[in-house]
C-alpha atoms as a PDB file:
ATOM      1  CA  MET A   1      -0.021 -27.326 -12.624  1.00  0.00           C
ATOM      2  CA  ILE A   2       0.278 -26.349  -8.984  1.00  0.00           C
ATOM      3  CA  SER A   3      -0.381 -29.090  -6.380  1.00  0.00           C
ATOM      4  CA  LYS A   4      -2.255 -28.524  -3.190  1.00  0.00           C
ATOM      5  CA  ALA A   5       0.996 -28.669  -1.181  1.00  0.00           C
ATOM      6  CA  GLU A   6       2.728 -26.162  -3.522  1.00  0.00           C
ATOM      7  CA  PHE A   7      -0.212 -23.821  -3.226  1.00  0.00           C
ATOM      8  CA  LYS A   8      -0.131 -24.053   0.586  1.00  0.00           C
ATOM      9  CA  GLN A   9       3.595 -23.267   0.568  1.00  0.00           C
ATOM     10  CA  LEU A  10       2.981 -20.363  -1.784  1.00  0.00           C
ATOM     11  CA  PHE A  11       0.166 -19.033   0.412  1.00  0.00           C
ATOM     12  CA  ASP A  12       2.225 -19.426   3.619  1.00  0.00           C
ATOM     13  CA  ARG A  13       5.284 -17.785   2.091  1.00  0.00           C
ATOM     14  CA  HIS A  14       3.605 -14.783   0.444  1.00  0.00           C
ATOM     15  CA  PHE A  15       0.242 -13.986   1.935  1.00  0.00           C
ATOM     16  CA  ASP A  16       1.527 -11.453   4.481  1.00  0.00           C
ATOM     17  CA  GLN A  17       3.680  -9.770   1.858  1.00  0.00           C
ATOM     18  CA  ILE A  18       0.778  -9.528  -0.551  1.00  0.00           C
ATOM     19  CA  ARG A  19      -1.554  -8.182   2.144  1.00  0.00           C
ATOM     20  CA  THR A  20       0.959  -5.546   3.136  1.00  0.00           C
ATOM     21  CA  PHE A  21       1.608  -4.680  -0.545  1.00  0.00           C
ATOM     22  CA  ILE A  22      -2.174  -4.138  -1.018  1.00  0.00           C
ATOM     23  CA  PHE A  23      -2.490  -2.254   2.277  1.00  0.00           C
ATOM     24  CA  TYR A  24      -0.066   0.413   1.109  1.00  0.00           C
ATOM     25  CA  ARG A  25      -2.131   0.986  -1.949  1.00  0.00           C
ATOM     26  CA  CYS A  26      -5.615   1.031  -0.375  1.00  0.00           C
ATOM     27  CA  GLY A  27      -4.913   2.119   3.212  1.00  0.00           C
ATOM     28  CA  ASN A  28      -7.505  -0.322   4.711  1.00  0.00           C
ATOM     29  CA  THR A  29      -6.340  -3.400   6.576  1.00  0.00           C
ATOM     30  CA  ASP A  30      -9.678  -5.243   6.242  1.00  0.00           C
ATOM     31  CA  MET A  31      -9.924  -4.468   2.561  1.00  0.00           C
ATOM     32  CA  ALA A  32      -6.273  -5.484   2.099  1.00  0.00           C
ATOM     33  CA  SER A  33      -6.901  -8.807   3.739  1.00  0.00           C
ATOM     34  CA  ASP A  34     -10.061  -9.442   1.562  1.00  0.00           C
ATOM     35  CA  MET A  35      -8.227  -8.529  -1.559  1.00  0.00           C
ATOM     36  CA  ALA A  36      -5.131 -10.674  -0.689  1.00  0.00           C
ATOM     37  CA  GLN A  37      -7.584 -13.662  -0.185  1.00  0.00           C
ATOM     38  CA  ASP A  38      -9.180 -12.885  -3.520  1.00  0.00           C
ATOM     39  CA  VAL A  39      -5.818 -12.922  -5.213  1.00  0.00           C
ATOM     40  CA  PHE A  40      -5.000 -16.400  -3.752  1.00  0.00           C
ATOM     41  CA  MET A  41      -8.505 -17.636  -4.622  1.00  0.00           C
ATOM     42  CA  LYS A  42      -7.964 -16.711  -8.285  1.00  0.00           C
ATOM     43  CA  VAL A  43      -4.632 -18.504  -8.236  1.00  0.00           C
ATOM     44  CA  TRP A  44      -6.237 -21.547  -6.757  1.00  0.00           C
ATOM     45  CA  GLU A  45      -9.071 -21.460  -9.359  1.00  0.00           C
ATOM     46  CA  LYS A  46      -6.441 -21.273 -12.164  1.00  0.00           C
ATOM     47  CA  ARG A  47      -3.892 -23.620 -10.554  1.00  0.00           C
ATOM     48  CA  GLU A  48      -4.212 -26.128 -13.385  1.00  0.00           C
ATOM     49  CA  GLN A  49      -3.164 -23.474 -15.920  1.00  0.00           C
ATOM     50  CA  LEU A  50      -0.213 -22.186 -13.975  1.00  0.00           C
ATOM     51  CA  ALA A  51       3.412 -23.394 -13.590  1.00  0.00           C
ATOM     52  CA  ASN A  52       5.183 -23.228 -10.276  1.00  0.00           C
ATOM     53  CA  ASP A  53       7.798 -20.742 -11.611  1.00  0.00           C
ATOM     54  CA  ASN A  54       7.741 -16.972 -11.031  1.00  0.00           C
ATOM     55  CA  LEU A  55       4.451 -17.034  -9.227  1.00  0.00           C
ATOM     56  CA  LYS A  56       5.541 -14.270  -6.871  1.00  0.00           C
ATOM     57  CA  SER A  57       5.509 -11.760  -9.777  1.00  0.00           C
ATOM     58  CA  LEU A  58       2.061 -13.008 -10.789  1.00  0.00           C
ATOM     59  CA  LEU A  59       0.727 -12.467  -7.248  1.00  0.00           C
ATOM     60  CA  TYR A  60       2.000  -8.889  -7.125  1.00  0.00           C
ATOM     61  CA  LYS A  61       0.667  -8.181 -10.722  1.00  0.00           C
ATOM     62  CA  MET A  62      -2.755  -9.589  -9.722  1.00  0.00           C
ATOM     63  CA  SER A  63      -2.723  -7.586  -6.479  1.00  0.00           C
ATOM     64  CA  ASN A  64      -1.947  -4.373  -8.221  1.00  0.00           C
ATOM     65  CA  ASP A  65      -4.692  -4.969 -10.810  1.00  0.00           C
ATOM     66  CA  LEU A  66      -7.183  -5.754  -8.157  1.00  0.00           C
ATOM     67  CA  VAL A  67      -6.301  -2.578  -6.216  1.00  0.00           C
ATOM     68  CA  ILE A  68      -6.680  -0.388  -9.257  1.00  0.00           C
ATOM     69  CA  SER A  69     -10.086  -2.014 -10.120  1.00  0.00           C
ATOM     70  CA  ASN A  70     -11.242  -1.604  -6.493  1.00  0.00           C
ATOM     71  CA  TYR A  71     -10.078   2.040  -6.391  1.00  0.00           C
ATOM     72  CA  ARG A  72     -12.113   2.933  -9.381  1.00  0.00           C
ATOM     73  CA  LYS A  73     -15.170   1.613  -7.712  1.00  0.00           C
ATOM     74  CA  SER A  74     -14.717   3.474  -4.461  1.00  0.00           C
ATOM     75  CA  ILE A  75     -12.994   6.732  -5.000  1.00  0.00           C
ATOM     76  CA  ASN A  76     -14.933   8.464  -2.147  1.00  0.00           C
ATOM     77  CA  HIS A  77     -13.971   5.894   0.502  1.00  0.00           C
ATOM     78  CA  ALA A  78     -10.639   7.594   1.305  1.00  0.00           C
ATOM     79  CA  ASP A  79     -12.338  11.005   1.768  1.00  0.00           C
ATOM     80  CA  TYR A  80     -14.789   9.522   4.262  1.00  0.00           C
ATOM     81  CA  GLU A  81     -12.063   7.795   6.245  1.00  0.00           C
ATOM     82  CA  GLN A  82     -10.075  10.941   6.500  1.00  0.00           C
ATOM     83  CA  SER A  83     -13.040  13.009   7.683  1.00  0.00           C
ATOM     84  CA  MET A  84     -13.816  10.337  10.364  1.00  0.00           C
ATOM     85  CA  MET A  85     -10.212  10.327  11.554  1.00  0.00           C
ATOM     86  CA  LEU A  86     -10.195  14.090  12.053  1.00  0.00           C
ATOM     87  CA  GLN A  87     -13.279  13.977  14.412  1.00  0.00           C
ATOM     88  CA  SER A  88     -11.861  13.792  17.925  1.00  0.00           C
ATOM     89  CA  ASP A  89     -13.402  13.865  21.437  1.00  0.00           C
ATOM     90  CA  GLU A  90     -10.308  15.686  22.895  1.00  0.00           C
ATOM     91  CA  ALA A  91     -10.710  19.240  23.896  1.00  0.00           C
ATOM     92  CA  VAL A  92      -8.582  21.311  21.557  1.00  0.00           C
ATOM     93  CA  SER A  93      -8.883  24.849  20.547  1.00  0.00           C
ATOM     94  CA  PRO A  94     -10.598  25.590  17.241  1.00  0.00           C
ATOM     95  CA  GLU A  95      -7.375  27.121  15.886  1.00  0.00           C
ATOM     96  CA  GLU A  96      -5.372  23.945  16.748  1.00  0.00           C
ATOM     97  CA  GLU A  97      -8.104  21.830  15.163  1.00  0.00           C
ATOM     98  CA  LEU A  98      -8.111  23.855  12.019  1.00  0.00           C
ATOM     99  CA  LEU A  99      -4.303  23.785  11.759  1.00  0.00           C
ATOM    100  CA  PHE A 100      -4.306  20.012  12.301  1.00  0.00           C
ATOM    101  CA  GLU A 101      -7.057  19.442   9.596  1.00  0.00           C
ATOM    102  CA  GLU A 102      -5.042  21.645   7.195  1.00  0.00           C
ATOM    103  CA  LEU A 103      -1.834  19.801   7.839  1.00  0.00           C
ATOM    104  CA  ALA A 104      -3.565  16.359   7.570  1.00  0.00           C
ATOM    105  CA  SER A 105      -5.198  17.514   4.377  1.00  0.00           C
ATOM    106  CA  SER A 106      -2.021  18.803   2.863  1.00  0.00           C
ATOM    107  CA  TYR A 107      -0.140  15.626   3.861  1.00  0.00           C
ATOM    108  CA  ALA A 108      -2.963  13.391   2.293  1.00  0.00           C
ATOM    109  CA  GLN A 109      -2.843  15.485  -0.862  1.00  0.00           C
ATOM    110  CA  ALA A 110       0.950  15.356  -1.045  1.00  0.00           C
ATOM    111  CA  LEU A 111       0.682  11.512  -0.687  1.00  0.00           C
ATOM    112  CA  GLU A 112      -1.901  11.349  -3.441  1.00  0.00           C
ATOM    113  CA  LYS A 113       0.261  13.497  -5.788  1.00  0.00           C
ATOM    114  CA  MET A 114       3.368  11.371  -5.065  1.00  0.00           C
ATOM    115  CA  SER A 115       4.098   8.607  -7.598  1.00  0.00           C
ATOM    116  CA  GLU A 116       2.844   5.165  -6.562  1.00  0.00           C
ATOM    117  CA  THR A 117       6.301   3.701  -6.522  1.00  0.00           C
ATOM    118  CA  GLN A 118       7.569   6.433  -4.126  1.00  0.00           C
ATOM    119  CA  ARG A 119       4.422   6.328  -1.952  1.00  0.00           C
ATOM    120  CA  THR A 120       4.648   2.520  -1.636  1.00  0.00           C
ATOM    121  CA  VAL A 121       8.314   2.660  -0.495  1.00  0.00           C
ATOM    122  CA  PHE A 122       7.664   5.554   1.868  1.00  0.00           C
ATOM    123  CA  LEU A 123       4.683   3.954   3.519  1.00  0.00           C
ATOM    124  CA  MET A 124       6.325   0.569   3.796  1.00  0.00           C
ATOM    125  CA  SER A 125       9.366   2.294   5.495  1.00  0.00           C
ATOM    126  CA  ARG A 126       7.377   4.664   7.760  1.00  0.00           C
ATOM    127  CA  ASN A 127       4.168   2.829   8.641  1.00  0.00           C
ATOM    128  CA  ASP A 128       5.355  -0.787   8.666  1.00  0.00           C
ATOM    129  CA  GLU A 129       8.862   0.119   9.750  1.00  0.00           C
ATOM    130  CA  LEU A 130      10.420  -2.257   7.151  1.00  0.00           C
ATOM    131  CA  LYS A 131      14.109  -2.062   6.412  1.00  0.00           C
ATOM    132  CA  TYR A 132      15.203  -1.164   2.966  1.00  0.00           C
ATOM    133  CA  HIS A 133      16.334  -4.736   2.139  1.00  0.00           C
ATOM    134  CA  GLU A 134      12.887  -6.057   3.285  1.00  0.00           C
ATOM    135  CA  ILE A 135      11.131  -3.487   1.064  1.00  0.00           C
ATOM    136  CA  ALA A 136      13.388  -4.399  -1.859  1.00  0.00           C
ATOM    137  CA  GLU A 137      12.541  -8.123  -1.331  1.00  0.00           C
ATOM    138  CA  CYS A 138       8.839  -7.412  -1.222  1.00  0.00           C
ATOM    139  CA  LEU A 139       8.801  -5.251  -4.316  1.00  0.00           C
ATOM    140  CA  ASP A 140      11.421  -7.342  -6.122  1.00  0.00           C
ATOM    141  CA  ILE A 141      13.770  -4.379  -6.746  1.00  0.00           C
ATOM    142  CA  SER A 142      17.203  -3.551  -5.614  1.00  0.00           C
ATOM    143  CA  VAL A 143      18.120  -1.867  -2.301  1.00  0.00           C
ATOM    144  CA  LYS A 144      19.507   1.039  -4.312  1.00  0.00           C
ATOM    145  CA  ALA A 145      16.202   1.516  -5.994  1.00  0.00           C
ATOM    146  CA  VAL A 146      14.488   1.570  -2.661  1.00  0.00           C
ATOM    147  CA  GLU A 147      16.983   4.213  -1.468  1.00  0.00           C
ATOM    148  CA  LYS A 148      16.432   6.276  -4.519  1.00  0.00           C
ATOM    149  CA  ARG A 149      12.629   6.067  -4.303  1.00  0.00           C
ATOM    150  CA  MET A 150      12.636   6.950  -0.518  1.00  0.00           C
ATOM    151  CA  SER A 151      14.962   9.890  -1.087  1.00  0.00           C
ATOM    152  CA  ALA A 152      12.690  11.200  -3.881  1.00  0.00           C
ATOM    153  CA  ALA A 153       9.605  10.672  -1.700  1.00  0.00           C
ATOM    154  CA  LEU A 154      11.068  12.633   1.173  1.00  0.00           C
ATOM    155  CA  GLN A 155      12.220  15.375  -1.084  1.00  0.00           C
ATOM    156  CA  PHE A 156       8.696  15.521  -2.699  1.00  0.00           C
ATOM    157  CA  LEU A 157       7.018  15.718   0.712  1.00  0.00           C
ATOM    158  CA  ARG A 158       9.426  18.482   1.833  1.00  0.00           C
ATOM    159  CA  THR A 159       8.679  20.506  -1.272  1.00  0.00           C
ATOM    160  CA  GLU A 160       4.893  19.929  -1.107  1.00  0.00           C
ATOM    161  CA  LEU A 161       4.526  20.639   2.634  1.00  0.00           C
ATOM    162  CA  LEU A 162       6.851  23.683   2.675  1.00  0.00           C
ATOM    163  CA  SER A 163       5.072  25.160  -0.246  1.00  0.00           C
ATOM    164  CA  TYR A 164       1.823  24.659   1.597  1.00  0.00           C
ATOM    165  CA  ASN A 165       2.833  27.215   4.364  1.00  0.00           C
END
């Protein structure tokens, strides 16, 4: 059983990591915050059935399952976000706009094709500017595994984007 104080400590220690973990899978900060809160609510509801050992792994497992479930419900959401991001008030030539849209589309497609493990490490490194040891700690893997995944992700993007031209 998890006490109120233990739960508060768990929440304080892991909420930001869980939210970031979810963000890299769904790409929406509000949705990531909501899902992270849902994960901790489920832990709170089941606190009497849980022991205070290895809860970090449980949090990541629950987060991943929730993301997958949510993704199945809203497949078209990412397409809508991408189309909204491409609309801009800046004056650019139609050719530049078309090239940007094609590049953004090919980048998004390459990220979708990339394995989840590589994509997660890549986005944590590039978007959140986390260091490899921080990524390793969040994902509960070795720094060497992070390096290998990052190298594979960069090689994959290189191949995909060069083949696009």
